[in-house]
Amino acid sequence: MSLIMPLPEQAILARREELLARLRAILPAANVIADETARRAYECDALVMYRALPLVVALPETVAQVSAIMALAQEMNVKVVPRGAGTSLSGGALPLEDGILLGMAKFNRILEVDFENRCARVQPGVQNLAISKAVEYAGFYYAPDPSSQIACTIGGNVGENAGGVHCLKYGLTTNNILGLEVVLMGGEALRLGGKHLDSELYDLMGLMTGSEGLLGVVTEVTVRLLQKPVSARGLLLAFPTVEAGARCVGAIIARGIIPGGLEMMDAATIGAVENFQPCGYPLDAGAIVIVELDGTPAEVDHLVAVVESIAREEGATQTRISQNEAERLRFWAGRKNAFPAVSCIGPDYLCMDGTIPRGRLPEVLTRMDGLAKFHGLRVANVFHAGDGNLHPLILYDASKEGDIERAEKLGADILRLCVEVGGVLTGEHGVGVEKRDLMGEMFDEIDLAQQQRVKCAFDPQHRLNPGKVFPTLHRCAELGMMHVQSGKLPFPELPRF
């Protein structure tokens, strides 16, 4: 394991009992988890490769409690790691041994549904799918739909700027929220946006979205609600190779068609899905592309015919068009279960998350196969093809010596490839700790310093989720944000790694 985190600060560890006592003065006793066995439940997020036992877990239920905890953390110079459902795949919620793990699971209420303004105010611990379930009776839904939407929470979605199948047409989280309430280090609560469409002055809401818990703790989200399309139909397209499937994806977009969903999976994933939850995918295909077209019935019928024609031109060996809602959902059932299905064909997997220009899909998929062979590991591919957002699942066995390191190196090489072809390190999972040390592949020192100056504006002591996103933990003084007196920096105990 190559990850290096900041060393625990002995000054914080020495004051643990005082910290526990003061947290218990803010929260009910049951909401402060100090027992080691109970804290084990929080030692990692969905990136299970990395683990650390949090100093203490705090579970606030009100904004006032969150503010009080943040004020206490600032006063005692203690670190804080915000956490939603713990579904982060990049280690963004990895706890710190000398930090408070701030669990937001008890913020789980939908506060208001406002159909007139097509929005809802929800607490950050509300599950993504629960929002759509709450408004479906009136024909509305919330568009971003990560594969983990049955478990992940809207607060975490904001932190990571989560995406999903529908984001090609309807946008990521940042395009589907109208307002935020955020508590900053020190305890100040800040409201950004509201039910209106435009932001006031600086787009701080855009800045907060995708900031991975480094700038503030989300305590309320106002989400957009969209009316469900009148009709939707799915196409299941089979191709002899992943390259042919990738060419079809590019051809569909190039024709000016923006599907409601455009996903792809390779032969390894198809086989895994059919063993896990059979849904009729062709086992002899090298790749399948799932297309969803939505709109008025006449529009959908026209687009279905055009997409089927494009698929045949690109060498599709099979095209199936959903004849009813049950069949459309069956097409998607395998895609939604792809991640757990792949876990059945290997002891462990590492889910990567790079994004590339769609036109480079055939080349990148071919080169990824070569990288996998070079490192002696297998890769299963299932991804948001329309977005160019890849999710290679690197199969490894943590019990085999050297396998974890090989998986890490293969993942790093895949992400470097994404940057090389004009893409970016992440699509929807964030940087976290997983991609932190690769930020230099994409940004130079000036770029990184500018980003860290933003961090300094919100958190000059670097107490909020340190060790994530930035490959080197700088003092704000080094970026010109702090006064140096008599040759001494404030907070000289702040570690670097």
Protein backbone atom coordinates (compact mmCIF):
# COMPACT_ATOMS: atom_id res chain seq x y z
CA MET A 1 0.00 0.00 0.00
CA SER A 2 1.60 3.26 -1.14
CA LEU A 3 -0.64 5.72 0.70
CA ILE A 4 1.02 8.10 3.15
CA MET A 5 -1.17 10.12 5.47
CA PRO A 6 -0.30 12.91 7.93
CA LEU A 7 1.17 11.48 11.13
CA PRO A 8 -1.23 11.67 14.11
CA GLU A 9 -0.54 14.77 16.19
CA GLN A 10 0.44 13.77 19.72
CA ALA A 11 -0.93 17.04 21.11
CA ILE A 12 -4.42 16.07 19.89
CA LEU A 13 -4.16 12.47 21.10
CA ALA A 14 -3.13 13.69 24.56
CA ARG A 15 -6.34 15.72 24.88
CA ARG A 16 -8.73 12.92 23.75
CA GLU A 17 -10.51 12.62 27.11
CA GLU A 18 -11.10 16.37 27.22
CA LEU A 19 -12.43 16.26 23.64
CA LEU A 20 -14.81 13.40 24.50
CA ALA A 21 -16.12 15.25 27.55
CA ARG A 22 -16.76 18.42 25.59
CA LEU A 23 -18.46 16.51 22.73
CA ARG A 24 -20.75 14.84 25.29
CA ALA A 25 -21.70 18.29 26.50
CA ILE A 26 -22.88 19.09 22.95
CA LEU A 27 -24.46 15.76 21.93
CA PRO A 28 -26.49 13.05 23.65
CA ALA A 29 -24.12 10.44 25.10
CA ALA A 30 -25.23 7.81 22.55
CA ASN A 31 -24.18 10.13 19.71
CA VAL A 32 -20.54 10.19 20.78
CA ILE A 33 -18.88 6.89 19.85
CA ALA A 34 -15.64 6.36 21.72
CA ASP A 35 -15.53 2.56 22.09
CA GLU A 36 -12.90 1.01 19.82
CA THR A 37 -15.10 -1.83 18.58
CA ALA A 38 -17.91 0.55 17.65
CA ARG A 39 -15.48 2.92 15.93
CA ARG A 40 -14.36 0.02 13.67
CA ALA A 41 -17.60 0.44 11.72
CA TYR A 42 -16.26 3.80 10.51
CA GLU A 43 -12.61 2.91 9.80
CA CYS A 44 -13.01 3.05 6.01
CA ASP A 45 -15.42 4.05 3.27
CA ALA A 46 -16.07 2.05 0.08
CA LEU A 47 -12.36 2.26 -0.79
CA VAL A 48 -11.71 -0.55 1.66
CA MET A 49 -8.04 -0.83 0.71
CA TYR A 50 -7.25 1.99 3.16
CA ARG A 51 -8.32 2.03 6.81
CA ALA A 52 -7.75 4.12 9.93
CA LEU A 53 -9.51 4.13 13.30
CA PRO A 54 -11.08 7.54 13.96
CA LEU A 55 -10.24 9.28 17.22
CA VAL A 56 -13.95 9.62 17.96
CA VAL A 57 -17.21 9.47 15.98
CA ALA A 58 -19.72 12.29 16.50
CA LEU A 59 -23.30 11.99 15.21
CA PRO A 60 -25.03 15.40 15.36
CA GLU A 61 -28.78 15.78 14.74
CA THR A 62 -29.14 19.56 14.41
CA VAL A 63 -27.35 22.39 12.65
CA ALA A 64 -26.68 23.96 16.04
CA GLN A 65 -24.85 20.81 17.12
CA VAL A 66 -22.77 20.77 13.94
CA SER A 67 -21.84 24.42 14.51
CA ALA A 68 -20.89 23.72 18.10
CA ILE A 69 -18.69 20.77 17.08
CA MET A 70 -16.95 22.80 14.39
CA ALA A 71 -16.35 25.64 16.84
CA LEU A 72 -14.95 23.17 19.35
CA ALA A 73 -12.68 21.60 16.72
CA GLN A 74 -11.29 25.00 15.83
CA GLU A 75 -10.76 25.95 19.46
CA MET A 76 -8.96 22.68 20.28
CA ASN A 77 -7.18 22.59 16.88
CA VAL A 78 -8.68 19.16 16.15
CA LYS A 79 -9.22 17.77 12.65
CA VAL A 80 -12.68 16.91 11.29
CA VAL A 81 -13.63 14.42 8.55
CA PRO A 82 -17.26 14.74 7.33
CA ARG A 83 -18.98 11.50 6.32
CA GLY A 84 -22.30 10.65 4.69
CA ALA A 85 -23.17 6.99 4.01
CA GLY A 86 -19.52 6.07 3.52
CA THR A 87 -20.00 5.02 -0.13
CA SER A 88 -17.10 7.15 -1.40
CA LEU A 89 -14.93 5.13 -3.77
CA SER A 90 -11.95 7.48 -3.57
CA GLY A 91 -11.33 7.47 0.19
CA GLY A 92 -12.79 10.94 0.63
CA ALA A 93 -14.32 9.89 3.96
CA LEU A 94 -11.26 7.98 5.18
CA PRO A 95 -11.01 8.89 8.89
CA LEU A 96 -7.96 10.19 10.73
CA GLU A 97 -6.54 8.69 13.91
CA ASP A 98 -6.35 12.18 15.42
CA GLY A 99 -9.60 13.51 13.99
CA ILE A 100 -13.34 13.66 14.69
CA LEU A 101 -15.36 11.55 12.25
CA LEU A 102 -18.46 13.72 11.76
CA GLY A 103 -21.22 11.34 10.64
CA MET A 104 -24.23 13.08 9.08
CA ALA A 105 -26.50 10.01 8.89
CA LYS A 106 -29.02 11.44 11.39
CA PHE A 107 -29.76 14.37 9.04
CA ASN A 108 -32.22 12.15 7.16
CA ARG A 109 -35.39 14.20 6.63
CA ILE A 110 -36.97 15.69 3.51
CA LEU A 111 -37.84 19.14 4.84
CA GLU A 112 -40.02 20.49 2.04
CA VAL A 113 -41.29 19.54 -1.42
CA ASP A 114 -42.15 22.56 -3.55
CA PHE A 115 -43.65 21.54 -6.89
CA GLU A 116 -44.46 25.14 -7.79
CA ASN A 117 -40.73 25.94 -7.80
CA ARG A 118 -39.81 22.38 -8.84
CA CYS A 119 -37.45 21.84 -5.93
CA ALA A 120 -37.13 20.10 -2.58
CA ARG A 121 -35.18 21.00 0.56
CA VAL A 122 -33.54 17.94 2.05
CA GLN A 123 -31.06 17.14 4.78
CA PRO A 124 -27.67 15.76 3.67
CA GLY A 125 -28.23 12.27 5.06
CA VAL A 126 -31.23 11.61 2.79
CA GLN A 127 -30.54 8.80 0.33
CA ASN A 128 -30.33 9.82 -3.31
CA LEU A 129 -33.06 7.41 -4.41
CA ALA A 130 -35.35 8.48 -1.56
CA ILE A 131 -35.80 11.91 -3.16
CA SER A 132 -37.20 10.44 -6.37
CA LYS A 133 -39.35 7.99 -4.37
CA ALA A 134 -40.81 10.88 -2.39
CA VAL A 135 -42.01 12.79 -5.46
CA GLU A 136 -42.73 10.07 -8.01
CA TYR A 137 -46.46 10.10 -7.14
CA ALA A 138 -46.64 13.52 -8.82
CA GLY A 139 -44.57 12.53 -11.86
CA PHE A 140 -41.30 14.13 -10.74
CA TYR A 141 -37.79 12.81 -9.97
CA TYR A 142 -34.23 13.87 -9.09
CA ALA A 143 -31.99 13.26 -12.10
CA PRO A 144 -28.43 12.39 -10.88
CA ASP A 145 -28.47 8.65 -10.16
CA PRO A 146 -25.13 7.15 -9.05
CA SER A 147 -25.02 3.35 -9.17
CA SER A 148 -25.00 3.46 -5.38
CA GLN A 149 -28.15 5.61 -5.28
CA ILE A 150 -29.96 3.13 -3.04
CA ALA A 151 -27.34 3.82 -0.34
CA CYS A 152 -25.43 7.05 -1.06
CA THR A 153 -26.68 10.31 0.40
CA ILE A 154 -27.28 13.70 -1.16
CA GLY A 155 -24.69 15.37 1.09
CA GLY A 156 -22.02 12.98 -0.16
CA ASN A 157 -23.25 13.53 -3.72
CA VAL A 158 -22.62 17.27 -3.27
CA GLY A 159 -19.18 16.61 -1.80
CA GLU A 160 -18.15 14.47 -4.75
CA ASN A 161 -20.29 16.12 -7.46
CA ALA A 162 -21.77 12.69 -8.17
CA GLY A 163 -23.13 11.67 -11.55
CA GLY A 164 -24.88 8.59 -12.90
CA VAL A 165 -26.61 7.19 -15.96
CA HIS A 166 -28.84 10.22 -16.57
CA CYS A 167 -26.10 12.84 -16.31
CA LEU A 168 -25.22 12.80 -20.00
CA LYS A 169 -28.52 14.53 -20.74
CA TYR A 170 -29.53 16.06 -17.40
CA GLY A 171 -26.22 17.04 -15.80
CA LEU A 172 -24.22 16.21 -12.68
CA THR A 173 -25.08 17.14 -9.11
CA THR A 174 -23.77 20.67 -9.64
CA ASN A 175 -26.35 21.17 -12.40
CA ASN A 176 -29.21 19.86 -10.26
CA ILE A 177 -28.99 21.77 -7.00
CA LEU A 178 -30.24 25.27 -6.28
CA GLY A 179 -29.17 25.94 -2.71
CA LEU A 180 -26.91 24.80 0.10
CA GLU A 181 -26.53 25.37 3.79
CA VAL A 182 -22.94 24.81 4.91
CA VAL A 183 -21.22 25.02 8.30
CA LEU A 184 -17.64 26.28 8.14
CA MET A 185 -14.69 25.62 10.43
CA GLY A 186 -15.35 27.76 13.48
CA GLY A 187 -19.08 27.00 13.39
CA GLU A 188 -20.46 29.73 11.12
CA ALA A 189 -23.49 28.58 9.10
CA LEU A 190 -23.64 29.88 5.54
CA ARG A 191 -26.60 29.74 3.13
CA LEU A 192 -25.86 29.76 -0.59
CA GLY A 193 -28.42 30.00 -3.38
CA GLY A 194 -32.03 29.15 -2.64
CA LYS A 195 -35.00 28.29 -4.81
CA HIS A 196 -33.98 30.67 -7.56
CA LEU A 197 -31.92 29.85 -10.64
CA ASP A 198 -28.97 32.24 -10.49
CA SER A 199 -26.31 32.63 -7.81
CA GLU A 200 -25.51 35.81 -5.94
CA LEU A 201 -22.12 37.36 -6.79
CA TYR A 202 -19.44 34.65 -6.66
CA ASP A 203 -20.66 31.14 -7.44
CA LEU A 204 -19.72 29.76 -4.02
CA MET A 205 -22.28 26.98 -4.38
CA GLY A 206 -20.41 25.81 -7.47
CA LEU A 207 -17.20 26.01 -5.47
CA MET A 208 -18.62 23.93 -2.61
CA THR A 209 -20.00 21.26 -4.96
CA GLY A 210 -17.25 18.73 -5.51
CA SER A 211 -15.00 20.23 -2.81
CA GLU A 212 -14.82 16.79 -1.11
CA GLY A 213 -15.45 18.03 2.41
CA LEU A 214 -12.40 20.32 2.44
CA LEU A 215 -14.28 23.63 2.68
CA GLY A 216 -17.35 23.06 4.85
CA VAL A 217 -19.95 20.57 6.11
CA VAL A 218 -23.21 20.43 4.13
CA THR A 219 -26.28 20.58 6.41
CA GLU A 220 -29.06 21.21 3.84
CA VAL A 221 -29.48 20.88 0.08
CA THR A 222 -32.14 22.37 -2.20
CA VAL A 223 -32.40 20.05 -5.21
CA ARG A 224 -34.08 20.57 -8.56
CA LEU A 225 -36.99 18.29 -9.38
CA LEU A 226 -37.58 17.30 -13.00
CA GLN A 227 -40.78 16.05 -14.55
CA LYS A 228 -40.46 12.44 -15.66
CA PRO A 229 -40.36 12.05 -19.46
CA VAL A 230 -43.64 11.05 -21.07
CA SER A 231 -42.08 7.93 -22.49
CA ALA A 232 -38.73 6.12 -22.50
CA ARG A 233 -37.46 3.10 -24.44
CA GLY A 234 -34.23 1.16 -24.20
CA LEU A 235 -31.99 -0.42 -26.81
CA LEU A 236 -29.61 -3.27 -26.08
CA LEU A 237 -26.89 -3.31 -28.74
CA ALA A 238 -24.31 -6.11 -29.01
CA PHE A 239 -20.93 -5.73 -30.71
CA PRO A 240 -18.11 -8.17 -31.47
CA THR A 241 -15.49 -5.95 -29.79
CA VAL A 242 -15.30 -3.09 -27.30
CA GLU A 243 -13.74 -0.95 -30.02
CA ALA A 244 -16.82 -1.41 -32.24
CA GLY A 245 -19.12 -0.55 -29.35
CA ALA A 246 -17.06 2.55 -28.57
CA ARG A 247 -17.25 3.69 -32.19
CA CYS A 248 -21.03 3.37 -32.05
CA VAL A 249 -21.15 5.57 -28.93
CA GLY A 250 -19.24 8.29 -30.74
CA ALA A 251 -21.41 7.96 -33.85
CA ILE A 252 -24.64 8.38 -31.84
CA ILE A 253 -23.42 11.61 -30.23
CA ALA A 254 -21.93 12.88 -33.48
CA ARG A 255 -25.38 12.51 -35.09
CA GLY A 256 -26.70 15.09 -32.59
CA ILE A 257 -28.58 12.62 -30.38
CA ILE A 258 -28.27 13.00 -26.59
CA PRO A 259 -29.76 9.87 -25.01
CA GLY A 260 -31.17 9.83 -21.48
CA GLY A 261 -28.57 7.13 -20.80
CA LEU A 262 -25.68 5.67 -22.83
CA GLU A 263 -23.73 2.95 -21.04
CA MET A 264 -21.32 0.21 -22.05
CA MET A 265 -19.86 -2.97 -20.58
CA ASP A 266 -17.31 -5.48 -21.84
CA ALA A 267 -17.41 -9.28 -22.08
CA ALA A 268 -15.97 -9.84 -18.60
CA THR A 269 -18.71 -7.73 -17.02
CA ILE A 270 -21.45 -9.25 -19.18
CA GLY A 271 -20.45 -12.73 -18.01
CA ALA A 272 -20.33 -11.62 -14.37
CA VAL A 273 -23.76 -10.00 -14.58
CA GLU A 274 -25.38 -13.03 -16.23
CA ASN A 275 -24.02 -15.26 -13.46
CA PHE A 276 -25.11 -12.85 -10.73
CA GLN A 277 -28.55 -11.76 -11.93
CA PRO A 278 -29.44 -13.05 -15.41
CA CYS A 279 -31.16 -10.42 -17.53
CA GLY A 280 -30.69 -11.75 -21.05
CA TYR A 281 -27.43 -10.11 -22.07
CA PRO A 282 -25.78 -11.91 -25.06
CA LEU A 283 -22.88 -13.96 -23.68
CA ASP A 284 -21.17 -14.16 -27.08
CA ALA A 285 -20.81 -10.36 -27.39
CA GLY A 286 -17.47 -8.61 -26.95
CA ALA A 287 -19.35 -5.58 -25.62
CA ILE A 288 -22.87 -4.28 -25.20
CA VAL A 289 -24.14 -0.71 -25.34
CA ILE A 290 -27.36 0.22 -23.54
CA VAL A 291 -29.14 3.28 -24.89
CA GLU A 292 -32.17 4.96 -23.33
CA LEU A 293 -34.15 7.46 -25.37
CA ASP A 294 -36.80 9.60 -23.72
CA GLY A 295 -39.27 12.28 -24.74
CA THR A 296 -42.64 12.26 -26.50
CA PRO A 297 -43.66 8.92 -28.03
CA ALA A 298 -43.23 10.22 -31.58
CA GLU A 299 -39.77 11.63 -30.80
CA VAL A 300 -38.68 8.44 -29.08
CA ASP A 301 -39.91 6.21 -31.95
CA HIS A 302 -37.94 8.33 -34.43
CA LEU A 303 -34.74 8.29 -32.34
CA VAL A 304 -34.98 4.54 -31.73
CA ALA A 305 -34.99 3.93 -35.49
CA VAL A 306 -32.03 6.28 -36.03
CA VAL A 307 -29.93 4.74 -33.24
CA GLU A 308 -30.68 1.20 -34.42
CA SER A 309 -29.57 2.20 -37.91
CA ILE A 310 -26.33 3.70 -36.56
CA ALA A 311 -25.64 0.54 -34.55
CA ARG A 312 -26.02 -1.66 -37.64
CA GLU A 313 -23.71 0.64 -39.60
CA GLU A 314 -21.11 0.23 -36.83
CA GLY A 315 -21.28 -3.56 -36.95
CA ALA A 316 -23.80 -4.47 -34.25
CA THR A 317 -24.39 -8.23 -34.17
CA GLN A 318 -27.66 -7.87 -32.29
CA THR A 319 -30.11 -5.04 -31.62
CA ARG A 320 -33.02 -5.38 -29.19
CA ILE A 321 -35.57 -2.67 -28.53
CA SER A 322 -37.61 -2.71 -25.34
CA GLN A 323 -41.26 -3.46 -26.05
CA ASN A 324 -42.54 -2.49 -22.63
CA GLU A 325 -41.47 -0.92 -19.35
CA ALA A 326 -40.55 -4.27 -17.79
CA GLU A 327 -38.14 -5.03 -20.61
CA ARG A 328 -36.56 -1.54 -20.42
CA LEU A 329 -35.95 -2.02 -16.71
CA ARG A 330 -34.51 -5.49 -17.37
CA PHE A 331 -31.94 -3.95 -19.73
CA TRP A 332 -30.86 -1.66 -16.87
CA ALA A 333 -31.00 -4.28 -14.12
CA GLY A 334 -27.70 -5.82 -15.17
CA ARG A 335 -26.00 -2.44 -15.43
CA LYS A 336 -27.20 -1.42 -11.97
CA ASN A 337 -25.89 -4.70 -10.52
CA ALA A 338 -22.61 -4.74 -12.42
CA PHE A 339 -20.39 -3.73 -9.48
CA PRO A 340 -21.63 -6.40 -7.06
CA ALA A 341 -21.63 -8.91 -9.93
CA VAL A 342 -17.95 -8.27 -10.68
CA SER A 343 -17.13 -8.85 -7.01
CA CYS A 344 -18.15 -12.49 -7.62
CA ILE A 345 -15.44 -13.12 -10.24
CA GLY A 346 -12.49 -11.96 -8.13
CA PRO A 347 -11.67 -11.70 -4.43
CA ASP A 348 -11.22 -7.90 -4.61
CA TYR A 349 -11.53 -5.10 -7.11
CA LEU A 350 -10.39 -1.51 -7.33
CA CYS A 351 -12.87 0.77 -9.12
CA MET A 352 -11.15 3.54 -11.08
CA ASP A 353 -12.82 6.73 -12.32
CA GLY A 354 -11.18 8.63 -15.16
CA THR A 355 -12.80 10.68 -17.89
CA ILE A 356 -11.64 11.00 -21.50
CA PRO A 357 -12.88 12.63 -24.69
CA ARG A 358 -15.46 10.24 -26.18
CA GLY A 359 -13.62 10.14 -29.49
CA ARG A 360 -10.64 8.45 -27.82
CA LEU A 361 -12.71 5.58 -26.35
CA PRO A 362 -11.60 2.85 -28.83
CA GLU A 363 -7.91 3.75 -28.43
CA VAL A 364 -8.05 4.02 -24.64
CA LEU A 365 -9.90 0.75 -24.16
CA THR A 366 -7.32 -1.04 -26.31
CA ARG A 367 -4.40 0.52 -24.44
CA MET A 368 -5.99 -0.26 -21.06
CA ASP A 369 -6.11 -3.92 -22.06
CA GLY A 370 -2.39 -3.74 -22.80
CA LEU A 371 -1.67 -2.11 -19.43
CA ALA A 372 -3.63 -4.82 -17.63
CA LYS A 373 -1.58 -7.54 -19.35
CA PHE A 374 1.66 -5.70 -18.50
CA HIS A 375 0.78 -5.66 -14.80
CA GLY A 376 -0.54 -9.23 -14.86
CA LEU A 377 -4.07 -8.36 -13.71
CA ARG A 378 -7.56 -8.52 -15.23
CA VAL A 379 -9.84 -5.55 -15.79
CA ALA A 380 -13.63 -5.57 -16.20
CA ASN A 381 -15.15 -2.50 -17.81
CA VAL A 382 -18.54 -0.96 -17.16
CA PHE A 383 -18.88 2.76 -17.67
CA HIS A 384 -20.79 5.88 -18.62
CA ALA A 385 -19.81 5.75 -22.28
CA GLY A 386 -21.75 8.84 -23.30
CA ASP A 387 -19.87 10.95 -20.74
CA GLY A 388 -16.48 9.37 -21.53
CA ASN A 389 -16.41 8.49 -17.81
CA LEU A 390 -14.57 5.19 -17.43
CA HIS A 391 -14.91 2.81 -14.50
CA PRO A 392 -12.30 0.07 -15.02
CA LEU A 393 -12.65 -2.51 -12.26
CA ILE A 394 -9.18 -3.88 -11.52
CA LEU A 395 -9.42 -7.43 -10.19
CA TYR A 396 -6.85 -8.46 -7.59
CA ASP A 397 -6.42 -10.65 -4.54
CA ALA A 398 -5.46 -8.76 -1.39
CA SER A 399 -4.27 -12.01 0.18
CA LYS A 400 -1.57 -12.42 -2.51
CA GLU A 401 1.70 -10.68 -1.81
CA GLY A 402 2.22 -7.75 -4.18
CA ASP A 403 -1.29 -7.82 -5.67
CA ILE A 404 -2.40 -4.59 -3.95
CA GLU A 405 0.68 -2.75 -5.18
CA ARG A 406 0.16 -4.08 -8.73
CA ALA A 407 -3.47 -2.93 -8.65
CA GLU A 408 -2.42 0.52 -7.47
CA LYS A 409 0.21 0.81 -10.21
CA LEU A 410 -2.21 -0.33 -12.90
CA GLY A 411 -4.82 2.16 -11.65
CA ALA A 412 -2.26 4.97 -11.72
CA ASP A 413 -1.20 4.05 -15.26
CA ILE A 414 -4.84 4.05 -16.42
CA LEU A 415 -5.41 7.52 -14.94
CA ARG A 416 -2.19 8.82 -16.49
CA LEU A 417 -3.47 7.50 -19.82
CA CYS A 418 -6.74 9.40 -19.31
CA VAL A 419 -4.81 12.66 -18.77
CA GLU A 420 -2.47 11.93 -21.70
CA VAL A 421 -5.36 11.70 -24.17
CA GLY A 422 -6.90 14.97 -23.00
CA GLY A 423 -9.09 13.70 -20.17
CA VAL A 424 -9.12 14.21 -16.40
CA LEU A 425 -8.35 12.17 -13.29
CA THR A 426 -11.94 11.83 -12.12
CA GLY A 427 -15.48 11.88 -13.40
CA GLU A 428 -17.71 11.51 -10.38
CA HIS A 429 -15.85 9.77 -7.55
CA GLY A 430 -13.58 12.67 -6.60
CA VAL A 431 -9.86 12.70 -5.87
CA GLY A 432 -9.89 11.77 -2.17
CA VAL A 433 -6.79 9.83 -1.23
CA GLU A 434 -7.03 7.47 -4.19
CA LYS A 435 -5.89 9.99 -6.82
CA ARG A 436 -4.27 12.56 -4.50
CA ASP A 437 -0.70 11.68 -5.45
CA LEU A 438 -1.57 11.83 -9.16
CA MET A 439 -2.72 15.46 -9.08
CA GLY A 440 0.74 16.43 -10.33
CA GLU A 441 0.02 14.54 -13.55
CA MET A 442 -2.68 17.05 -14.34
CA PHE A 443 -1.76 20.26 -12.51
CA ASP A 444 1.53 22.10 -12.13
CA GLU A 445 2.69 23.74 -8.88
CA ILE A 446 1.04 27.05 -9.76
CA ASP A 447 -2.31 25.33 -10.42
CA LEU A 448 -2.12 23.44 -7.14
CA ALA A 449 -1.09 26.53 -5.17
CA GLN A 450 -4.08 28.46 -6.54
CA GLN A 451 -6.43 25.67 -5.48
CA GLN A 452 -4.89 25.54 -2.03
CA ARG A 453 -5.34 29.29 -1.61
CA VAL A 454 -9.08 28.66 -1.92
CA LYS A 455 -8.73 26.03 0.81
CA CYS A 456 -6.87 28.55 2.98
CA ALA A 457 -9.68 31.08 2.61
CA PHE A 458 -12.12 28.63 4.23
CA ASP A 459 -9.83 26.63 6.50
CA PRO A 460 -6.49 28.37 7.19
CA GLN A 461 -5.46 25.81 9.82
CA HIS A 462 -6.10 22.88 7.45
CA ARG A 463 -8.21 21.08 10.04
CA LEU A 464 -11.04 20.04 7.70
CA ASN A 465 -10.42 16.69 5.97
CA PRO A 466 -6.63 17.13 5.64
CA GLY A 467 -4.62 14.59 3.65
CA LYS A 468 -7.19 14.48 0.84
CA VAL A 469 -6.98 15.91 -2.71
CA PHE A 470 -3.65 17.79 -2.39
CA PRO A 471 -0.46 15.72 -2.84
CA THR A 472 1.47 17.95 -0.42
CA LEU A 473 0.00 19.49 2.71
CA HIS A 474 1.22 23.09 2.65
CA ARG A 475 0.91 25.58 5.44
CA CYS A 476 -1.16 28.56 4.37
CA ALA A 477 1.82 30.72 5.38
CA GLU A 478 3.74 29.22 2.47
CA LEU A 479 1.01 30.49 0.17
CA GLY A 480 1.20 34.00 1.63
CA MET A 481 -1.95 33.69 3.69
CA MET A 482 -0.44 33.84 7.21
CA HIS A 483 1.74 36.30 9.04
CA VAL A 484 5.22 35.08 9.95
CA GLN A 485 6.54 36.78 13.10
CA SER A 486 10.14 36.55 14.34
CA GLY A 487 10.79 33.80 11.88
CA LYS A 488 8.09 31.60 13.39
CA LEU A 489 4.98 30.28 11.69
CA PRO A 490 1.66 29.95 13.43
CA PHE A 491 0.82 26.30 14.17
CA PRO A 492 4.39 24.96 13.82
CA GLU A 493 3.11 21.54 14.87
CA LEU A 494 1.13 21.18 11.61
CA PRO A 495 2.66 18.12 9.94
CA ARG A 496 3.57 17.78 6.27
CA PHE A 497 3.71 14.60 4.26
